[in-house]
Amino acid sequence: LACVGETAVPRNMQHCVVAGRPIPAIGFGVGTAWFAATPGPQQTELARSVHAALDAGATQNAGLSICHIDEAEMYQNEGTTGAAMSAWLTANPAMPRGSLFVTSKVMSVDDGIESVCKRTLAALQLSYLDLYLIHAPFQRSGAPFATPLPEAWRQMEALVDAGLVRAIGVSNWRVADLRQIVDSARIPPSCNQVEAHPYLQQPALMRFCKEHSILVTAYSPLAPLTKPALHGGPVDAAVAAAAAVHGRTMAQVLLRWSLQTGRLPITTTSKPERLGEYLAIFDFQLSTEQVQAISAAGALKPQRFFWTKCGGQFKDDPLEEEDSAP
């Protein structure tokens, strides 16, 4: 599986492979900043940001778009994103639907995954999703779904059979959760999207996903820069040193670290000028020593920022996630 590797990831690799299809090697997330975007300035900003992300992706690749939008039912803003993508495609007739890679996620598993998926497709104004994920292995409260995970996965497989989605995967699943479906799955999970950055590396989960050819996508890959609790932490010096050597920003080094440790980064910004910076990570490569220095520094202070209020489903020590039970 391309892009699940170590420091040998080619510096110019702009696409990975998921379920035999290319997936742009960096994605634009529309969740945290625009969660439950309300009518007015917030929705306007989300639409403007989606347009800017698609413009930047198309321009960066001179027509070979790396336009990768990451959505979710739980974000409660699919209608705004869908309208923005539709308007962008209309305004850019040279860029067909196939130039976009659109991911969404189902949280309301017990409502019936097919019905939720169809609502998502209608809101996004799409006939299919490139990738569809089960957003978590449990409800937002941490309580288990009424639907057993193997049955939920069979419903996901049916979406592929029906042509509603091209590839299926999961998000925020631990080793214990993945073990419930990997052996019996007719269509194996192609992706596991998790919080991942130098302070949350989850090595046991990474090993399991690599062994089962599951692509790991990383949300919050810039946490050392965006989370005040991490400012001045041990990772800063290692990232700054690599940035100085390569003449790059710290954000670019963190995104490169993510790629070179086998994690496809999903990031976001409301500032269009940042988009070009984030996409300009395919013409340099961190050395093995630089990657190891960042990893070692992050391991000194493991910390999780998302899904911390779900009934103790994740252990306090992120290094022990393999043993967390659903």
C-alpha atoms as a PDB file:
ATOM      1  CA  LEU A   1       0.000   0.000   0.000  1.00  0.00           C
ATOM      2  CA  ALA A   2       1.665   3.175  -1.182  1.00  0.00           C
ATOM      3  CA  CYS A   3       2.321   5.922   1.344  1.00  0.00           C
ATOM      4  CA  VAL A   4       2.390   3.636   4.383  1.00  0.00           C
ATOM      5  CA  GLY A   5       6.093   3.724   4.931  1.00  0.00           C
ATOM      6  CA  GLU A   6       9.023   5.246   6.675  1.00  0.00           C
ATOM      7  CA  THR A   7      11.497   7.958   5.718  1.00  0.00           C
ATOM      8  CA  ALA A   8      11.927   6.460   2.245  1.00  0.00           C
ATOM      9  CA  VAL A   9       8.622   7.935   1.030  1.00  0.00           C
ATOM     10  CA  PRO A  10       9.546   9.718  -2.226  1.00  0.00           C
ATOM     11  CA  ARG A  11       9.676  13.445  -1.645  1.00  0.00           C
ATOM     12  CA  ASN A  12       7.499  14.138  -4.691  1.00  0.00           C
ATOM     13  CA  MET A  13       4.801  11.559  -3.873  1.00  0.00           C
ATOM     14  CA  GLN A  14       1.597  13.603  -4.183  1.00  0.00           C
ATOM     15  CA  HIS A  15      -0.788  10.650  -4.160  1.00  0.00           C
ATOM     16  CA  CYS A  16      -1.118   7.516  -2.063  1.00  0.00           C
ATOM     17  CA  VAL A  17      -3.242   4.504  -2.929  1.00  0.00           C
ATOM     18  CA  VAL A  18      -6.402   3.383  -1.160  1.00  0.00           C
ATOM     19  CA  ALA A  19      -8.438   0.410  -2.378  1.00  0.00           C
ATOM     20  CA  GLY A  20      -6.452   0.491  -5.614  1.00  0.00           C
ATOM     21  CA  ARG A  21      -7.277   4.127  -6.313  1.00  0.00           C
ATOM     22  CA  PRO A  22      -5.144   7.254  -5.873  1.00  0.00           C
ATOM     23  CA  ILE A  23      -5.873   9.443  -2.856  1.00  0.00           C
ATOM     24  CA  PRO A  24      -4.270  12.899  -2.682  1.00  0.00           C
ATOM     25  CA  ALA A  25      -1.475  12.831  -0.118  1.00  0.00           C
ATOM     26  CA  ILE A  26      -2.827  15.769   1.856  1.00  0.00           C
ATOM     27  CA  GLY A  27      -6.435  16.570   2.670  1.00  0.00           C
ATOM     28  CA  PHE A  28      -8.419  19.660   3.630  1.00  0.00           C
ATOM     29  CA  GLY A  29     -10.647  19.116   6.663  1.00  0.00           C
ATOM     30  CA  VAL A  30     -13.850  21.095   7.196  1.00  0.00           C
ATOM     31  CA  GLY A  31     -14.645  19.944  10.728  1.00  0.00           C
ATOM     32  CA  THR A  32     -13.245  21.683  13.780  1.00  0.00           C
ATOM     33  CA  ALA A  33     -13.238  25.314  12.648  1.00  0.00           C
ATOM     34  CA  TRP A  34     -16.670  25.099  11.020  1.00  0.00           C
ATOM     35  CA  PHE A  35     -18.428  22.568  13.228  1.00  0.00           C
ATOM     36  CA  ALA A  36     -22.205  23.121  12.967  1.00  0.00           C
ATOM     37  CA  ALA A  37     -21.580  26.229  10.870  1.00  0.00           C
ATOM     38  CA  THR A  38     -24.514  28.605  11.288  1.00  0.00           C
ATOM     39  CA  PRO A  39     -26.075  30.667   8.483  1.00  0.00           C
ATOM     40  CA  GLY A  40     -24.247  33.905   7.910  1.00  0.00           C
ATOM     41  CA  PRO A  41     -20.522  34.680   8.291  1.00  0.00           C
ATOM     42  CA  GLN A  42     -19.527  31.176   9.437  1.00  0.00           C
ATOM     43  CA  GLN A  43     -21.085  29.409   6.458  1.00  0.00           C
ATOM     44  CA  THR A  44     -19.729  32.084   4.125  1.00  0.00           C
ATOM     45  CA  GLU A  45     -16.233  31.551   5.498  1.00  0.00           C
ATOM     46  CA  LEU A  46     -16.540  27.778   5.117  1.00  0.00           C
ATOM     47  CA  ALA A  47     -17.637  28.110   1.488  1.00  0.00           C
ATOM     48  CA  ARG A  48     -14.827  30.565   0.785  1.00  0.00           C
ATOM     49  CA  SER A  49     -12.297  28.244   2.411  1.00  0.00           C
ATOM     50  CA  VAL A  50     -13.486  25.235   0.378  1.00  0.00           C
ATOM     51  CA  HIS A  51     -13.151  27.272  -2.820  1.00  0.00           C
ATOM     52  CA  ALA A  52      -9.669  28.413  -1.777  1.00  0.00           C
ATOM     53  CA  ALA A  53      -8.601  24.848  -0.999  1.00  0.00           C
ATOM     54  CA  LEU A  54      -9.825  23.571  -4.354  1.00  0.00           C
ATOM     55  CA  ASP A  55      -8.192  26.503  -6.172  1.00  0.00           C
ATOM     56  CA  ALA A  56      -4.884  25.888  -4.387  1.00  0.00           C
ATOM     57  CA  GLY A  57      -4.958  22.173  -5.125  1.00  0.00           C
ATOM     58  CA  ALA A  58      -5.674  22.672  -8.806  1.00  0.00           C
ATOM     59  CA  THR A  59      -3.080  25.458  -9.199  1.00  0.00           C
ATOM     60  CA  GLN A  60      -0.372  23.615  -7.312  1.00  0.00           C
ATOM     61  CA  ASN A  61      -0.626  20.660  -9.659  1.00  0.00           C
ATOM     62  CA  ALA A  62      -1.154  22.605 -12.893  1.00  0.00           C
ATOM     63  CA  GLY A  63      -4.454  20.880 -13.544  1.00  0.00           C
ATOM     64  CA  LEU A  64      -3.639  17.567 -11.859  1.00  0.00           C
ATOM     65  CA  SER A  65      -5.680  18.344  -8.804  1.00  0.00           C
ATOM     66  CA  ILE A  66      -4.828  17.179  -5.317  1.00  0.00           C
ATOM     67  CA  CYS A  67      -8.202  18.469  -4.172  1.00  0.00           C
ATOM     68  CA  HIS A  68      -9.053  16.292  -1.191  1.00  0.00           C
ATOM     69  CA  ILE A  69     -12.008  17.360   0.988  1.00  0.00           C
ATOM     70  CA  ASP A  70     -12.624  15.622   4.321  1.00  0.00           C
ATOM     71  CA  GLU A  71     -16.219  15.887   5.592  1.00  0.00           C
ATOM     72  CA  ALA A  72     -18.468  14.104   8.105  1.00  0.00           C
ATOM     73  CA  GLU A  73     -22.099  13.790   9.052  1.00  0.00           C
ATOM     74  CA  MET A  74     -21.149  14.860  12.590  1.00  0.00           C
ATOM     75  CA  TYR A  75     -19.743  18.193  11.375  1.00  0.00           C
ATOM     76  CA  GLN A  76     -23.288  19.320  10.537  1.00  0.00           C
ATOM     77  CA  ASN A  77     -22.111  21.411   7.595  1.00  0.00           C
ATOM     78  CA  GLU A  78     -22.304  19.040   4.619  1.00  0.00           C
ATOM     79  CA  GLY A  79     -24.849  21.229   2.844  1.00  0.00           C
ATOM     80  CA  THR A  80     -22.529  24.235   2.837  1.00  0.00           C
ATOM     81  CA  THR A  81     -19.576  22.167   1.673  1.00  0.00           C
ATOM     82  CA  GLY A  82     -21.661  20.501  -1.019  1.00  0.00           C
ATOM     83  CA  ALA A  83     -22.908  23.813  -2.387  1.00  0.00           C
ATOM     84  CA  ALA A  84     -19.346  25.166  -2.400  1.00  0.00           C
ATOM     85  CA  MET A  85     -17.964  22.153  -4.275  1.00  0.00           C
ATOM     86  CA  SER A  86     -20.803  22.248  -6.784  1.00  0.00           C
ATOM     87  CA  ALA A  87     -20.263  25.949  -7.438  1.00  0.00           C
ATOM     88  CA  TRP A  88     -16.522  25.409  -7.840  1.00  0.00           C
ATOM     89  CA  LEU A  89     -16.989  22.597 -10.343  1.00  0.00           C
ATOM     90  CA  THR A  90     -19.426  24.734 -12.336  1.00  0.00           C
ATOM     91  CA  ALA A  91     -16.941  27.606 -12.383  1.00  0.00           C
ATOM     92  CA  ASN A  92     -14.080  25.285 -13.384  1.00  0.00           C
ATOM     93  CA  PRO A  93     -15.402  23.114 -16.236  1.00  0.00           C
ATOM     94  CA  ALA A  94     -11.913  21.790 -16.965  1.00  0.00           C
ATOM     95  CA  MET A  95     -11.987  20.078 -13.536  1.00  0.00           C
ATOM     96  CA  PRO A  96     -14.442  17.145 -13.585  1.00  0.00           C
ATOM     97  CA  ARG A  97     -15.915  15.481 -10.500  1.00  0.00           C
ATOM     98  CA  GLY A  98     -13.161  12.900 -10.787  1.00  0.00           C
ATOM     99  CA  SER A  99     -10.586  15.582  -9.999  1.00  0.00           C
ATOM    100  CA  LEU A 100     -11.955  15.746  -6.451  1.00  0.00           C
ATOM    101  CA  PHE A 101     -11.451  13.188  -3.714  1.00  0.00           C
ATOM    102  CA  VAL A 102     -14.258  13.491  -1.191  1.00  0.00           C
ATOM    103  CA  THR A 103     -14.350  11.668   2.141  1.00  0.00           C
ATOM    104  CA  SER A 104     -17.227  11.659   4.603  1.00  0.00           C
ATOM    105  CA  LYS A 105     -18.027   9.748   7.788  1.00  0.00           C
ATOM    106  CA  VAL A 106     -21.085   8.195   9.377  1.00  0.00           C
ATOM    107  CA  MET A 107     -21.717   8.669  13.098  1.00  0.00           C
ATOM    108  CA  SER A 108     -25.409   7.695  13.305  1.00  0.00           C
ATOM    109  CA  VAL A 109     -24.673   4.019  12.714  1.00  0.00           C
ATOM    110  CA  ASP A 110     -27.856   2.862  14.431  1.00  0.00           C
ATOM    111  CA  ASP A 111     -29.996   4.899  11.999  1.00  0.00           C
ATOM    112  CA  GLY A 112     -28.905   2.556   9.201  1.00  0.00           C
ATOM    113  CA  ILE A 113     -25.676   3.320   7.389  1.00  0.00           C
ATOM    114  CA  GLU A 114     -27.184   3.325   3.896  1.00  0.00           C
ATOM    115  CA  SER A 115     -29.817   5.908   4.791  1.00  0.00           C
ATOM    116  CA  VAL A 116     -27.215   8.159   6.437  1.00  0.00           C
ATOM    117  CA  CYS A 117     -24.939   7.811   3.426  1.00  0.00           C
ATOM    118  CA  LYS A 118     -27.742   8.780   1.050  1.00  0.00           C
ATOM    119  CA  ARG A 119     -28.480  11.877   3.156  1.00  0.00           C
ATOM    120  CA  THR A 120     -24.809  12.795   2.988  1.00  0.00           C
ATOM    121  CA  LEU A 121     -24.692  12.354  -0.781  1.00  0.00           C
ATOM    122  CA  ALA A 122     -27.758  14.561  -1.190  1.00  0.00           C
ATOM    123  CA  ALA A 123     -26.274  17.263   1.043  1.00  0.00           C
ATOM    124  CA  LEU A 124     -22.915  17.141  -0.756  1.00  0.00           C
ATOM    125  CA  GLN A 125     -24.647  17.095  -4.172  1.00  0.00           C
ATOM    126  CA  LEU A 126     -22.682  14.003  -5.194  1.00  0.00           C
ATOM    127  CA  SER A 127     -23.583  10.663  -6.749  1.00  0.00           C
ATOM    128  CA  TYR A 128     -20.803   8.820  -4.916  1.00  0.00           C
ATOM    129  CA  LEU A 129     -18.155   9.275  -2.234  1.00  0.00           C
ATOM    130  CA  ASP A 130     -14.529   8.411  -2.860  1.00  0.00           C
ATOM    131  CA  LEU A 131     -14.094   7.243   0.723  1.00  0.00           C
ATOM    132  CA  TYR A 132     -16.641   6.643   3.495  1.00  0.00           C
ATOM    133  CA  LEU A 133     -15.654   6.001   7.102  1.00  0.00           C
ATOM    134  CA  ILE A 134     -17.361   4.876  10.299  1.00  0.00           C
ATOM    135  CA  HIS A 135     -16.515   7.932  12.392  1.00  0.00           C
ATOM    136  CA  ALA A 136     -15.892   6.069  15.654  1.00  0.00           C
ATOM    137  CA  PRO A 137     -16.329   2.557  17.055  1.00  0.00           C
ATOM    138  CA  PHE A 138     -18.878   3.885  19.554  1.00  0.00           C
ATOM    139  CA  GLN A 139     -21.357   6.733  20.034  1.00  0.00           C
ATOM    140  CA  ARG A 140     -20.108  10.228  20.873  1.00  0.00           C
ATOM    141  CA  SER A 141     -20.877   9.522  24.532  1.00  0.00           C
ATOM    142  CA  GLY A 142     -18.675   6.440  24.458  1.00  0.00           C
ATOM    143  CA  ALA A 143     -21.640   4.083  24.718  1.00  0.00           C
ATOM    144  CA  PRO A 144     -21.541   1.194  22.248  1.00  0.00           C
ATOM    145  CA  PHE A 145     -23.692   1.213  19.143  1.00  0.00           C
ATOM    146  CA  ALA A 146     -26.734  -1.045  19.220  1.00  0.00           C
ATOM    147  CA  THR A 147     -25.378  -2.360  15.918  1.00  0.00           C
ATOM    148  CA  PRO A 148     -22.398  -4.708  16.428  1.00  0.00           C
ATOM    149  CA  LEU A 149     -19.292  -3.541  14.590  1.00  0.00           C
ATOM    150  CA  PRO A 150     -19.182  -6.600  12.260  1.00  0.00           C
ATOM    151  CA  GLU A 151     -22.774  -5.886  11.187  1.00  0.00           C
ATOM    152  CA  ALA A 152     -21.983  -2.209  10.706  1.00  0.00           C
ATOM    153  CA  TRP A 153     -19.103  -3.226   8.479  1.00  0.00           C
ATOM    154  CA  ARG A 154     -21.351  -5.464   6.377  1.00  0.00           C
ATOM    155  CA  GLN A 155     -23.566  -2.419   5.811  1.00  0.00           C
ATOM    156  CA  MET A 156     -20.488  -0.465   4.689  1.00  0.00           C
ATOM    157  CA  GLU A 157     -19.579  -3.228   2.226  1.00  0.00           C
ATOM    158  CA  ALA A 158     -23.087  -3.046   0.782  1.00  0.00           C
ATOM    159  CA  LEU A 159     -22.490   0.627  -0.051  1.00  0.00           C
ATOM    160  CA  VAL A 160     -19.555  -0.367  -2.264  1.00  0.00           C
ATOM    161  CA  ASP A 161     -21.699  -3.031  -3.946  1.00  0.00           C
ATOM    162  CA  ALA A 162     -24.380  -0.403  -4.622  1.00  0.00           C
ATOM    163  CA  GLY A 163     -21.901   2.055  -6.130  1.00  0.00           C
ATOM    164  CA  LEU A 164     -22.595   4.711  -3.508  1.00  0.00           C
ATOM    165  CA  VAL A 165     -18.991   4.764  -2.317  1.00  0.00           C
ATOM    166  CA  ARG A 166     -15.708   3.761  -3.910  1.00  0.00           C
ATOM    167  CA  ALA A 167     -13.780   2.795  -0.767  1.00  0.00           C
ATOM    168  CA  ILE A 168     -14.611   2.240   2.902  1.00  0.00           C
ATOM    169  CA  GLY A 169     -12.733   2.579   6.142  1.00  0.00           C
ATOM    170  CA  VAL A 170     -12.939   3.664   9.751  1.00  0.00           C
ATOM    171  CA  SER A 171     -11.917   6.524  12.006  1.00  0.00           C
ATOM    172  CA  ASN A 172     -10.737   6.621  15.626  1.00  0.00           C
ATOM    173  CA  TRP A 173     -10.637   2.819  15.757  1.00  0.00           C
ATOM    174  CA  ARG A 174      -8.161   1.067  18.000  1.00  0.00           C
ATOM    175  CA  VAL A 175      -6.493  -2.280  17.487  1.00  0.00           C
ATOM    176  CA  ALA A 176      -9.201  -3.994  19.544  1.00  0.00           C
ATOM    177  CA  ASP A 177     -11.891  -2.503  17.306  1.00  0.00           C
ATOM    178  CA  LEU A 178     -10.148  -3.401  14.070  1.00  0.00           C
ATOM    179  CA  ARG A 179      -9.687  -6.969  15.204  1.00  0.00           C
ATOM    180  CA  GLN A 180     -13.475  -7.359  15.285  1.00  0.00           C
ATOM    181  CA  ILE A 181     -13.743  -6.965  11.510  1.00  0.00           C
ATOM    182  CA  VAL A 182     -10.436  -7.583   9.725  1.00  0.00           C
ATOM    183  CA  ASP A 183     -10.634 -11.367   9.599  1.00  0.00           C
ATOM    184  CA  SER A 184     -14.253 -11.597   8.462  1.00  0.00           C
ATOM    185  CA  ALA A 185     -14.410  -8.548   6.200  1.00  0.00           C
ATOM    186  CA  ARG A 186     -15.295  -9.277   2.579  1.00  0.00           C
ATOM    187  CA  ILE A 187     -13.954  -5.819   1.702  1.00  0.00           C
ATOM    188  CA  PRO A 188     -11.107  -4.947   4.093  1.00  0.00           C
ATOM    189  CA  PRO A 189     -10.994  -1.499   5.669  1.00  0.00           C
ATOM    190  CA  SER A 190      -8.770   0.647   3.490  1.00  0.00           C
ATOM    191  CA  CYS A 191      -8.234   3.528   5.894  1.00  0.00           C
ATOM    192  CA  ASN A 192      -8.194   4.445   9.584  1.00  0.00           C
ATOM    193  CA  GLN A 193      -8.329   8.187  10.233  1.00  0.00           C
ATOM    194  CA  VAL A 194      -7.028   9.044  13.697  1.00  0.00           C
ATOM    195  CA  GLU A 195      -5.615  11.951  15.639  1.00  0.00           C
ATOM    196  CA  ALA A 196      -1.888  11.756  14.951  1.00  0.00           C
ATOM    197  CA  HIS A 197       1.056  14.065  15.513  1.00  0.00           C
ATOM    198  CA  PRO A 198       4.438  13.722  17.233  1.00  0.00           C
ATOM    199  CA  TYR A 199       2.735  13.778  20.644  1.00  0.00           C
ATOM    200  CA  LEU A 200       0.270  11.007  19.693  1.00  0.00           C
ATOM    201  CA  GLN A 201       2.077   8.362  17.637  1.00  0.00           C
ATOM    202  CA  GLN A 202       0.249   5.151  18.694  1.00  0.00           C
ATOM    203  CA  PRO A 203       2.978   2.788  17.497  1.00  0.00           C
ATOM    204  CA  ALA A 204       0.999  -0.403  18.155  1.00  0.00           C
ATOM    205  CA  LEU A 205      -1.895   0.891  16.067  1.00  0.00           C
ATOM    206  CA  MET A 206       0.476   1.942  13.292  1.00  0.00           C
ATOM    207  CA  ARG A 207       2.055  -1.519  13.214  1.00  0.00           C
ATOM    208  CA  PHE A 208      -1.328  -3.234  13.065  1.00  0.00           C
ATOM    209  CA  CYS A 209      -2.542  -0.998  10.235  1.00  0.00           C
ATOM    210  CA  LYS A 210       0.647  -1.533   8.272  1.00  0.00           C
ATOM    211  CA  GLU A 211       0.397  -5.309   8.696  1.00  0.00           C
ATOM    212  CA  HIS A 212      -3.169  -5.228   7.343  1.00  0.00           C
ATOM    213  CA  SER A 213      -2.532  -2.690   4.540  1.00  0.00           C
ATOM    214  CA  ILE A 214      -4.742  -0.059   6.186  1.00  0.00           C
ATOM    215  CA  LEU A 215      -3.783   3.489   5.257  1.00  0.00           C
ATOM    216  CA  VAL A 216      -3.568   5.775   8.287  1.00  0.00           C
ATOM    217  CA  THR A 217      -4.787   9.318   7.741  1.00  0.00           C
ATOM    218  CA  ALA A 218      -3.926  11.867  10.409  1.00  0.00           C
ATOM    219  CA  TYR A 219      -6.112  14.666  11.662  1.00  0.00           C
ATOM    220  CA  SER A 220      -4.598  17.459  13.774  1.00  0.00           C
ATOM    221  CA  PRO A 221      -1.109  16.847  12.336  1.00  0.00           C
ATOM    222  CA  LEU A 222      -0.132  20.418  13.257  1.00  0.00           C
ATOM    223  CA  ALA A 223      -1.090  20.071  16.932  1.00  0.00           C
ATOM    224  CA  PRO A 224       2.350  21.210  18.183  1.00  0.00           C
ATOM    225  CA  LEU A 225       1.642  24.565  16.499  1.00  0.00           C
ATOM    226  CA  THR A 226      -2.126  24.855  16.951  1.00  0.00           C
ATOM    227  CA  LYS A 227      -2.608  23.604  20.516  1.00  0.00           C
ATOM    228  CA  PRO A 228      -1.465  26.147  23.145  1.00  0.00           C
ATOM    229  CA  ALA A 229      -0.892  23.331  25.641  1.00  0.00           C
ATOM    230  CA  LEU A 230       1.939  22.058  23.429  1.00  0.00           C
ATOM    231  CA  HIS A 231       3.640  25.371  22.742  1.00  0.00           C
ATOM    232  CA  GLY A 232       7.208  25.262  24.014  1.00  0.00           C
ATOM    233  CA  GLY A 233       7.091  21.470  24.195  1.00  0.00           C
ATOM    234  CA  PRO A 234      10.005  19.148  23.415  1.00  0.00           C
ATOM    235  CA  VAL A 235       9.042  18.770  19.738  1.00  0.00           C
ATOM    236  CA  ASP A 236       9.561  22.453  18.975  1.00  0.00           C
ATOM    237  CA  ALA A 237      13.354  22.364  18.941  1.00  0.00           C
ATOM    238  CA  ALA A 238      13.594  19.319  16.676  1.00  0.00           C
ATOM    239  CA  VAL A 239      11.043  20.743  14.224  1.00  0.00           C
ATOM    240  CA  ALA A 240      12.672  24.169  14.212  1.00  0.00           C
ATOM    241  CA  ALA A 241      16.097  22.637  13.564  1.00  0.00           C
ATOM    242  CA  ALA A 242      14.804  20.675  10.559  1.00  0.00           C
ATOM    243  CA  ALA A 243      12.957  23.740   9.263  1.00  0.00           C
ATOM    244  CA  ALA A 244      16.167  25.775   9.398  1.00  0.00           C
ATOM    245  CA  VAL A 245      18.139  23.134   7.496  1.00  0.00           C
ATOM    246  CA  HIS A 246      15.573  22.860   4.700  1.00  0.00           C
ATOM    247  CA  GLY A 247      14.500  26.496   4.601  1.00  0.00           C
ATOM    248  CA  ARG A 248      10.910  25.493   5.378  1.00  0.00           C
ATOM    249  CA  THR A 249       8.255  26.435   7.888  1.00  0.00           C
ATOM    250  CA  MET A 250       7.577  24.386  11.000  1.00  0.00           C
ATOM    251  CA  ALA A 251       4.164  23.494   9.588  1.00  0.00           C
ATOM    252  CA  GLN A 252       5.754  22.073   6.453  1.00  0.00           C
ATOM    253  CA  VAL A 253       8.171  20.005   8.530  1.00  0.00           C
ATOM    254  CA  LEU A 254       5.313  18.578  10.634  1.00  0.00           C
ATOM    255  CA  LEU A 255       3.307  17.671   7.532  1.00  0.00           C
ATOM    256  CA  ARG A 256       6.400  16.078   6.032  1.00  0.00           C
ATOM    257  CA  TRP A 257       7.011  14.148   9.263  1.00  0.00           C
ATOM    258  CA  SER A 258       3.453  12.847   9.027  1.00  0.00           C
ATOM    259  CA  LEU A 259       3.936  11.604   5.475  1.00  0.00           C
ATOM    260  CA  GLN A 260       7.332  10.079   6.116  1.00  0.00           C
ATOM    261  CA  THR A 261       6.070   8.142   9.128  1.00  0.00           C
ATOM    262  CA  GLY A 262       3.232   6.623   7.094  1.00  0.00           C
ATOM    263  CA  ARG A 263       0.402   9.032   7.949  1.00  0.00           C
ATOM    264  CA  LEU A 264      -1.510  10.983   5.302  1.00  0.00           C
ATOM    265  CA  PRO A 265      -2.190  14.409   6.861  1.00  0.00           C
ATOM    266  CA  ILE A 266      -5.627  16.036   6.972  1.00  0.00           C
ATOM    267  CA  THR A 267      -5.219  19.687   7.862  1.00  0.00           C
ATOM    268  CA  THR A 268      -7.225  22.890   7.598  1.00  0.00           C
ATOM    269  CA  THR A 269      -6.989  26.646   7.612  1.00  0.00           C
ATOM    270  CA  SER A 270      -9.222  29.647   7.064  1.00  0.00           C
ATOM    271  CA  LYS A 271      -6.281  31.614   5.653  1.00  0.00           C
ATOM    272  CA  PRO A 272      -5.854  31.082   1.889  1.00  0.00           C
ATOM    273  CA  GLU A 273      -2.184  32.055   2.033  1.00  0.00           C
ATOM    274  CA  ARG A 274      -1.489  29.018   4.204  1.00  0.00           C
ATOM    275  CA  LEU A 275      -2.808  26.589   1.600  1.00  0.00           C
ATOM    276  CA  GLY A 276       0.127  27.042  -0.758  1.00  0.00           C
ATOM    277  CA  GLU A 277       2.471  26.539   2.168  1.00  0.00           C
ATOM    278  CA  TYR A 278       0.776  23.299   3.166  1.00  0.00           C
ATOM    279  CA  LEU A 279       0.830  21.936  -0.376  1.00  0.00           C
ATOM    280  CA  ALA A 280       4.513  22.757  -0.896  1.00  0.00           C
ATOM    281  CA  ILE A 281       5.771  19.678   0.923  1.00  0.00           C
ATOM    282  CA  PHE A 282       6.511  17.436  -2.023  1.00  0.00           C
ATOM    283  CA  ASP A 283       9.855  18.885  -3.111  1.00  0.00           C
ATOM    284  CA  PHE A 284      11.917  18.164  -0.011  1.00  0.00           C
ATOM    285  CA  GLN A 285      12.507  15.256   2.329  1.00  0.00           C
ATOM    286  CA  LEU A 286      13.472  15.011   5.975  1.00  0.00           C
ATOM    287  CA  SER A 287      16.481  12.875   6.792  1.00  0.00           C
ATOM    288  CA  THR A 288      16.073   9.702   8.811  1.00  0.00           C
ATOM    289  CA  GLU A 289      17.791  11.468  11.729  1.00  0.00           C
ATOM    290  CA  GLN A 290      15.398  14.422  11.563  1.00  0.00           C
ATOM    291  CA  VAL A 291      12.329  12.168  11.541  1.00  0.00           C
ATOM    292  CA  GLN A 292      13.690  10.172  14.472  1.00  0.00           C
ATOM    293  CA  ALA A 293      14.520  13.317  16.458  1.00  0.00           C
ATOM    294  CA  ILE A 294      10.954  14.624  16.089  1.00  0.00           C
ATOM    295  CA  SER A 295       9.484  11.235  16.983  1.00  0.00           C
ATOM    296  CA  ALA A 296      11.689  10.848  20.048  1.00  0.00           C
ATOM    297  CA  ALA A 297      10.830  14.338  21.279  1.00  0.00           C
ATOM    298  CA  GLY A 298       7.101  13.729  20.899  1.00  0.00           C
ATOM    299  CA  ALA A 299       7.293  10.445  22.793  1.00  0.00           C
ATOM    300  CA  LEU A 300       8.452  12.385  25.853  1.00  0.00           C
ATOM    301  CA  LYS A 301       5.023  14.003  26.290  1.00  0.00           C
ATOM    302  CA  PRO A 302       2.229  11.851  24.840  1.00  0.00           C
ATOM    303  CA  GLN A 303      -1.082  13.697  24.708  1.00  0.00           C
ATOM    304  CA  ARG A 304      -4.502  13.312  23.082  1.00  0.00           C
ATOM    305  CA  PHE A 305      -6.810  16.254  22.362  1.00  0.00           C
ATOM    306  CA  PHE A 306      -9.874  14.713  20.714  1.00  0.00           C
ATOM    307  CA  TRP A 307     -12.367  12.105  21.964  1.00  0.00           C
ATOM    308  CA  THR A 308     -11.299  12.687  25.547  1.00  0.00           C
ATOM    309  CA  LYS A 309     -14.875  12.847  26.872  1.00  0.00           C
ATOM    310  CA  CYS A 310     -16.285   9.544  25.698  1.00  0.00           C
ATOM    311  CA  GLY A 311     -16.602   7.534  28.866  1.00  0.00           C
ATOM    312  CA  GLY A 312     -12.944   6.566  29.206  1.00  0.00           C
ATOM    313  CA  GLN A 313     -12.855   4.619  25.942  1.00  0.00           C
ATOM    314  CA  PHE A 314      -9.230   5.689  25.434  1.00  0.00           C
ATOM    315  CA  LYS A 315      -6.603   5.041  28.054  1.00  0.00           C
ATOM    316  CA  ASP A 316      -5.016   8.018  29.795  1.00  0.00           C
ATOM    317  CA  ASP A 317      -1.638   6.936  28.470  1.00  0.00           C
ATOM    318  CA  PRO A 318      -1.847   7.030  24.658  1.00  0.00           C
ATOM    319  CA  LEU A 319       1.128   4.694  24.418  1.00  0.00           C
ATOM    320  CA  GLU A 320      -1.077   1.860  25.705  1.00  0.00           C
ATOM    321  CA  GLU A 321      -3.922   2.224  23.183  1.00  0.00           C
ATOM    322  CA  GLU A 322      -3.500  -1.311  21.864  1.00  0.00           C
ATOM    323  CA  ASP A 323      -5.050  -2.679  25.040  1.00  0.00           C
ATOM    324  CA  SER A 324      -8.069  -0.331  25.059  1.00  0.00           C
ATOM    325  CA  ALA A 325     -11.292  -2.329  24.795  1.00  0.00           C
ATOM    326  CA  PRO A 326     -14.443  -1.213  22.978  1.00  0.00           C
END
